[in-house]
Amino acid sequence: MAAKDKTEISYKVVDGRDVLLSIVFGDGQLGASAVLGPASIVGEVTNFPLGQGAALRGQTVDVHSVVTDVNGSTNRLSATYDVTGGDHDQTVSLETTVDEEGDSDRFRVVINFI
């Protein structure tokens, strides 16, 4: 399983607002993530509260996802990371193609809160 370069973003928070993270795996493929930071979770990530704006400012969240090709129609793997609740919503979309059915690959997204 090859490691992808990390994708790093800055996300502007707003005091008093919760920041949420959702991850969707596309192309009918199977995926799971580990979110490491002030709030952590492993598995499916849907509207996961990362924390409130003021508490997150200056913090970093490191997201590692593994996607496995289980769709016999395509070897394309993709993941969409949606961060909401800050100054503006932000989406990161990543994709790759594996060589064979059943292969997996990893995505890494680092979110720096400002």
N, C-alpha and C. Protein backbone atom coordinates (compact mmCIF):
# COMPACT_ATOMS: atom_id res chain seq x y z
N MET A 1 0.84 -1.16 0.00
CA MET A 1 0.00 0.00 0.00
C MET A 1 0.90 1.23 0.00
N ALA A 2 0.77 2.05 -1.00
CA ALA A 2 1.60 3.24 -1.12
C ALA A 2 1.03 4.38 -0.28
N ALA A 3 1.88 5.15 0.31
CA ALA A 3 1.43 6.31 1.09
C ALA A 3 1.37 7.53 0.19
N LYS A 4 0.29 8.25 0.24
CA LYS A 4 0.15 9.48 -0.52
C LYS A 4 0.77 10.62 0.27
N ASP A 5 1.24 11.63 -0.46
CA ASP A 5 1.70 12.84 0.20
C ASP A 5 0.55 13.44 0.98
N LYS A 6 0.88 14.15 2.03
CA LYS A 6 -0.19 14.76 2.80
C LYS A 6 -0.70 16.01 2.09
N THR A 7 -1.97 16.27 2.27
CA THR A 7 -2.60 17.49 1.80
C THR A 7 -2.84 18.33 3.04
N GLU A 8 -2.31 19.54 3.04
CA GLU A 8 -2.41 20.39 4.22
C GLU A 8 -3.24 21.62 3.90
N ILE A 9 -4.20 21.94 4.79
CA ILE A 9 -5.04 23.12 4.60
C ILE A 9 -5.05 23.95 5.87
N SER A 10 -5.36 25.23 5.72
CA SER A 10 -5.61 26.11 6.86
C SER A 10 -7.10 26.39 6.87
N TYR A 11 -7.70 26.33 8.06
CA TYR A 11 -9.13 26.54 8.19
C TYR A 11 -9.39 27.60 9.24
N LYS A 12 -10.05 28.69 8.83
CA LYS A 12 -10.32 29.80 9.73
C LYS A 12 -11.57 29.51 10.56
N VAL A 13 -11.38 29.47 11.88
CA VAL A 13 -12.47 29.17 12.80
C VAL A 13 -13.17 30.45 13.22
N VAL A 14 -14.35 30.29 13.82
CA VAL A 14 -15.13 31.40 14.35
C VAL A 14 -15.43 31.08 15.82
N ASP A 15 -15.13 32.03 16.70
CA ASP A 15 -15.38 31.82 18.13
C ASP A 15 -16.85 31.47 18.35
N GLY A 16 -17.10 30.49 19.22
CA GLY A 16 -18.46 30.11 19.59
C GLY A 16 -19.15 29.17 18.62
N ARG A 17 -18.49 28.78 17.54
CA ARG A 17 -19.08 27.85 16.58
C ARG A 17 -18.35 26.53 16.59
N ASP A 18 -19.12 25.43 16.55
CA ASP A 18 -18.53 24.09 16.44
C ASP A 18 -18.03 23.85 15.03
N VAL A 19 -16.86 23.25 14.92
CA VAL A 19 -16.31 22.84 13.63
C VAL A 19 -16.58 21.35 13.47
N LEU A 20 -17.15 20.97 12.32
CA LEU A 20 -17.51 19.58 12.06
C LEU A 20 -16.73 19.04 10.87
N LEU A 21 -16.46 17.74 10.90
CA LEU A 21 -15.76 17.06 9.80
C LEU A 21 -16.60 15.88 9.33
N SER A 22 -16.75 15.78 8.01
CA SER A 22 -17.39 14.62 7.39
C SER A 22 -16.47 14.12 6.28
N ILE A 23 -16.40 12.78 6.14
CA ILE A 23 -15.59 12.17 5.10
C ILE A 23 -16.47 11.19 4.34
N VAL A 24 -16.49 11.33 3.00
CA VAL A 24 -17.27 10.45 2.15
C VAL A 24 -16.33 9.78 1.15
N PHE A 25 -16.43 8.47 1.06
CA PHE A 25 -15.64 7.70 0.10
C PHE A 25 -16.50 7.46 -1.13
N GLY A 26 -15.95 7.74 -2.30
CA GLY A 26 -16.72 7.65 -3.53
C GLY A 26 -16.43 6.40 -4.32
N ASP A 27 -17.08 6.33 -5.48
CA ASP A 27 -16.86 5.27 -6.46
C ASP A 27 -17.25 3.89 -5.95
N GLY A 28 -18.13 3.83 -4.95
CA GLY A 28 -18.58 2.54 -4.42
C GLY A 28 -17.49 1.77 -3.70
N GLN A 29 -16.48 2.48 -3.21
CA GLN A 29 -15.36 1.82 -2.54
C GLN A 29 -15.54 1.88 -1.02
N LEU A 30 -14.77 1.08 -0.32
CA LEU A 30 -14.84 0.95 1.13
C LEU A 30 -13.70 1.74 1.76
N GLY A 31 -14.02 2.52 2.81
CA GLY A 31 -12.98 3.28 3.46
C GLY A 31 -13.25 3.51 4.93
N ALA A 32 -12.20 3.85 5.66
CA ALA A 32 -12.30 4.21 7.07
C ALA A 32 -11.19 5.20 7.37
N SER A 33 -11.40 5.98 8.43
CA SER A 33 -10.44 7.03 8.76
C SER A 33 -10.10 7.03 10.24
N ALA A 34 -8.94 7.58 10.54
CA ALA A 34 -8.54 7.89 11.91
C ALA A 34 -8.30 9.39 11.97
N VAL A 35 -9.02 10.06 12.86
CA VAL A 35 -8.87 11.49 13.06
C VAL A 35 -8.12 11.67 14.37
N LEU A 36 -6.96 12.33 14.29
CA LEU A 36 -6.11 12.52 15.47
C LEU A 36 -5.95 14.00 15.75
N GLY A 37 -6.24 14.41 16.96
CA GLY A 37 -6.12 15.82 17.33
C GLY A 37 -6.83 16.08 18.63
N PRO A 38 -7.32 17.32 18.83
CA PRO A 38 -8.03 17.64 20.07
C PRO A 38 -9.22 16.71 20.31
N ALA A 39 -9.89 16.30 19.24
CA ALA A 39 -10.95 15.29 19.30
C ALA A 39 -10.55 14.19 18.34
N SER A 40 -10.70 12.93 18.74
CA SER A 40 -10.25 11.81 17.91
C SER A 40 -11.37 10.81 17.70
N ILE A 41 -11.32 10.14 16.55
CA ILE A 41 -12.30 9.10 16.22
C ILE A 41 -11.65 8.17 15.21
N VAL A 42 -12.07 6.92 15.20
CA VAL A 42 -11.63 5.94 14.21
C VAL A 42 -12.88 5.32 13.60
N GLY A 43 -12.91 5.21 12.27
CA GLY A 43 -14.04 4.58 11.59
C GLY A 43 -14.72 5.53 10.65
N GLU A 44 -16.06 5.51 10.66
CA GLU A 44 -16.84 6.39 9.81
C GLU A 44 -16.90 7.78 10.44
N VAL A 45 -16.74 8.80 9.61
CA VAL A 45 -16.70 10.18 10.11
C VAL A 45 -17.81 10.97 9.42
N THR A 46 -18.89 11.25 10.17
CA THR A 46 -20.01 12.02 9.63
C THR A 46 -20.41 13.08 10.64
N ASN A 47 -20.25 14.35 10.25
CA ASN A 47 -20.56 15.48 11.14
C ASN A 47 -19.92 15.31 12.51
N PHE A 48 -18.66 14.89 12.51
CA PHE A 48 -17.92 14.67 13.75
C PHE A 48 -17.47 16.03 14.31
N PRO A 49 -17.82 16.36 15.56
CA PRO A 49 -17.42 17.64 16.15
C PRO A 49 -15.94 17.63 16.54
N LEU A 50 -15.18 18.50 15.88
CA LEU A 50 -13.75 18.62 16.17
C LEU A 50 -13.51 19.51 17.38
N GLY A 51 -14.45 20.44 17.65
CA GLY A 51 -14.33 21.35 18.78
C GLY A 51 -14.88 22.71 18.41
N GLN A 52 -14.83 23.63 19.38
CA GLN A 52 -15.30 24.99 19.14
C GLN A 52 -14.15 25.84 18.63
N GLY A 53 -14.53 26.85 17.85
CA GLY A 53 -13.55 27.70 17.17
C GLY A 53 -12.42 28.20 18.03
N ALA A 54 -12.73 28.86 19.15
CA ALA A 54 -11.68 29.45 19.99
C ALA A 54 -10.73 28.39 20.52
N ALA A 55 -11.26 27.23 20.88
CA ALA A 55 -10.42 26.16 21.43
C ALA A 55 -9.56 25.51 20.35
N LEU A 56 -10.02 25.53 19.09
CA LEU A 56 -9.27 24.90 18.01
C LEU A 56 -8.17 25.79 17.43
N ARG A 57 -8.33 27.10 17.56
CA ARG A 57 -7.36 28.03 16.95
C ARG A 57 -5.95 27.68 17.42
N GLY A 58 -5.03 27.49 16.48
CA GLY A 58 -3.66 27.12 16.78
C GLY A 58 -3.44 25.61 16.88
N GLN A 59 -4.51 24.84 16.81
CA GLN A 59 -4.43 23.38 16.89
C GLN A 59 -4.36 22.77 15.49
N THR A 60 -4.03 21.49 15.44
CA THR A 60 -3.95 20.74 14.18
C THR A 60 -4.69 19.42 14.34
N VAL A 61 -5.39 19.03 13.27
CA VAL A 61 -6.02 17.71 13.20
C VAL A 61 -5.37 16.97 12.05
N ASP A 62 -4.99 15.72 12.29
CA ASP A 62 -4.33 14.88 11.30
C ASP A 62 -5.26 13.73 10.96
N VAL A 63 -5.69 13.65 9.69
CA VAL A 63 -6.66 12.64 9.27
C VAL A 63 -5.98 11.64 8.34
N HIS A 64 -6.04 10.37 8.70
CA HIS A 64 -5.50 9.29 7.87
C HIS A 64 -6.67 8.42 7.42
N SER A 65 -6.78 8.21 6.11
CA SER A 65 -7.85 7.37 5.56
C SER A 65 -7.26 6.25 4.73
N VAL A 66 -7.88 5.06 4.83
CA VAL A 66 -7.52 3.93 3.99
C VAL A 66 -8.75 3.59 3.16
N VAL A 67 -8.55 3.51 1.85
CA VAL A 67 -9.65 3.19 0.93
C VAL A 67 -9.27 1.92 0.18
N THR A 68 -10.23 0.99 0.09
CA THR A 68 -10.01 -0.30 -0.56
C THR A 68 -10.93 -0.46 -1.75
N ASP A 69 -10.37 -0.94 -2.85
CA ASP A 69 -11.12 -1.16 -4.09
C ASP A 69 -11.97 -2.42 -3.95
N VAL A 70 -13.28 -2.22 -3.76
CA VAL A 70 -14.22 -3.34 -3.68
C VAL A 70 -15.23 -3.30 -4.82
N ASN A 71 -15.16 -2.27 -5.66
CA ASN A 71 -16.08 -2.10 -6.77
C ASN A 71 -15.44 -2.68 -8.03
N GLY A 72 -16.02 -3.76 -8.55
CA GLY A 72 -15.46 -4.43 -9.72
C GLY A 72 -15.51 -3.61 -10.99
N SER A 73 -16.24 -2.49 -10.99
CA SER A 73 -16.38 -1.66 -12.20
C SER A 73 -15.28 -0.63 -12.37
N THR A 74 -14.54 -0.35 -11.30
CA THR A 74 -13.51 0.68 -11.39
C THR A 74 -12.41 0.42 -10.37
N ASN A 75 -11.21 0.88 -10.67
CA ASN A 75 -10.09 0.83 -9.72
C ASN A 75 -9.80 2.22 -9.15
N ARG A 76 -10.72 3.15 -9.38
CA ARG A 76 -10.56 4.52 -8.90
C ARG A 76 -10.99 4.57 -7.43
N LEU A 77 -10.18 5.25 -6.61
CA LEU A 77 -10.47 5.48 -5.21
C LEU A 77 -10.57 6.98 -4.99
N SER A 78 -11.54 7.41 -4.21
CA SER A 78 -11.67 8.84 -3.93
C SER A 78 -12.22 9.06 -2.54
N ALA A 79 -11.90 10.23 -2.00
CA ALA A 79 -12.42 10.63 -0.69
C ALA A 79 -12.64 12.14 -0.72
N THR A 80 -13.74 12.56 -0.08
CA THR A 80 -14.06 13.97 0.04
C THR A 80 -14.14 14.31 1.52
N TYR A 81 -13.38 15.33 1.90
CA TYR A 81 -13.30 15.79 3.29
C TYR A 81 -13.99 17.15 3.36
N ASP A 82 -15.07 17.24 4.14
CA ASP A 82 -15.82 18.49 4.30
C ASP A 82 -15.64 19.02 5.72
N VAL A 83 -15.14 20.25 5.82
CA VAL A 83 -14.98 20.91 7.11
C VAL A 83 -15.96 22.09 7.12
N THR A 84 -16.82 22.12 8.15
CA THR A 84 -17.85 23.15 8.24
C THR A 84 -17.86 23.79 9.63
N GLY A 85 -18.51 24.95 9.72
CA GLY A 85 -18.68 25.62 11.00
C GLY A 85 -17.73 26.78 11.23
N GLY A 86 -16.77 26.96 10.35
CA GLY A 86 -15.83 28.06 10.49
C GLY A 86 -16.25 29.27 9.67
N ASP A 87 -15.28 30.07 9.28
CA ASP A 87 -15.53 31.27 8.50
C ASP A 87 -16.20 30.93 7.17
N HIS A 88 -15.82 29.81 6.58
CA HIS A 88 -16.45 29.31 5.36
C HIS A 88 -16.25 27.79 5.31
N ASP A 89 -17.15 27.10 4.65
CA ASP A 89 -17.00 25.66 4.49
C ASP A 89 -15.84 25.39 3.54
N GLN A 90 -15.15 24.28 3.76
CA GLN A 90 -14.02 23.93 2.91
C GLN A 90 -14.09 22.44 2.58
N THR A 91 -13.82 22.13 1.32
CA THR A 91 -13.86 20.75 0.84
C THR A 91 -12.53 20.40 0.22
N VAL A 92 -12.02 19.22 0.57
CA VAL A 92 -10.82 18.67 -0.05
C VAL A 92 -11.24 17.36 -0.72
N SER A 93 -11.01 17.25 -2.02
CA SER A 93 -11.33 16.02 -2.76
C SER A 93 -10.04 15.41 -3.27
N LEU A 94 -9.83 14.14 -2.94
CA LEU A 94 -8.61 13.43 -3.34
C LEU A 94 -9.00 12.17 -4.09
N GLU A 95 -8.15 11.77 -5.04
CA GLU A 95 -8.41 10.53 -5.77
C GLU A 95 -7.12 9.90 -6.24
N THR A 96 -7.19 8.62 -6.48
CA THR A 96 -6.08 7.85 -7.01
C THR A 96 -6.65 6.63 -7.71
N THR A 97 -5.82 5.91 -8.42
CA THR A 97 -6.23 4.67 -9.07
C THR A 97 -5.26 3.57 -8.65
N VAL A 98 -5.81 2.43 -8.26
CA VAL A 98 -4.98 1.29 -7.88
C VAL A 98 -4.85 0.33 -9.06
N ASP A 99 -3.89 -0.57 -8.99
CA ASP A 99 -3.62 -1.47 -10.10
C ASP A 99 -4.62 -2.62 -10.20
N GLU A 100 -5.03 -3.17 -9.06
CA GLU A 100 -5.85 -4.37 -9.09
C GLU A 100 -7.02 -4.29 -8.12
N GLU A 101 -8.08 -5.01 -8.43
CA GLU A 101 -9.22 -5.17 -7.53
C GLU A 101 -8.73 -5.66 -6.18
N GLY A 102 -9.22 -5.04 -5.10
CA GLY A 102 -8.83 -5.44 -3.76
C GLY A 102 -7.66 -4.65 -3.19
N ASP A 103 -6.97 -3.88 -4.05
CA ASP A 103 -5.86 -3.06 -3.57
C ASP A 103 -6.39 -1.90 -2.72
N SER A 104 -5.55 -1.40 -1.83
CA SER A 104 -5.89 -0.26 -0.98
C SER A 104 -4.87 0.85 -1.18
N ASP A 105 -5.27 2.04 -0.79
CA ASP A 105 -4.35 3.17 -0.78
C ASP A 105 -4.75 4.09 0.37
N ARG A 106 -3.86 5.02 0.70
CA ARG A 106 -4.08 5.91 1.83
C ARG A 106 -4.12 7.36 1.38
N PHE A 107 -4.93 8.14 2.09
CA PHE A 107 -4.95 9.59 1.94
C PHE A 107 -4.65 10.18 3.32
N ARG A 108 -4.00 11.35 3.32
CA ARG A 108 -3.72 12.04 4.58
C ARG A 108 -4.04 13.52 4.40
N VAL A 109 -4.85 14.06 5.30
CA VAL A 109 -5.21 15.47 5.28
C VAL A 109 -4.89 16.06 6.65
N VAL A 110 -4.13 17.13 6.64
CA VAL A 110 -3.79 17.84 7.88
C VAL A 110 -4.53 19.18 7.86
N ILE A 111 -5.29 19.44 8.92
CA ILE A 111 -6.07 20.67 9.02
C ILE A 111 -5.45 21.53 10.12
N ASN A 112 -4.98 22.72 9.74
CA ASN A 112 -4.42 23.69 10.69
C ASN A 112 -5.48 24.75 10.94
N PHE A 113 -5.87 24.92 12.19
CA PHE A 113 -6.92 25.88 12.52
C PHE A 113 -6.31 27.25 12.84
N ILE A 114 -6.84 28.26 12.17
CA ILE A 114 -6.35 29.63 12.34
C ILE A 114 -7.48 30.54 12.79
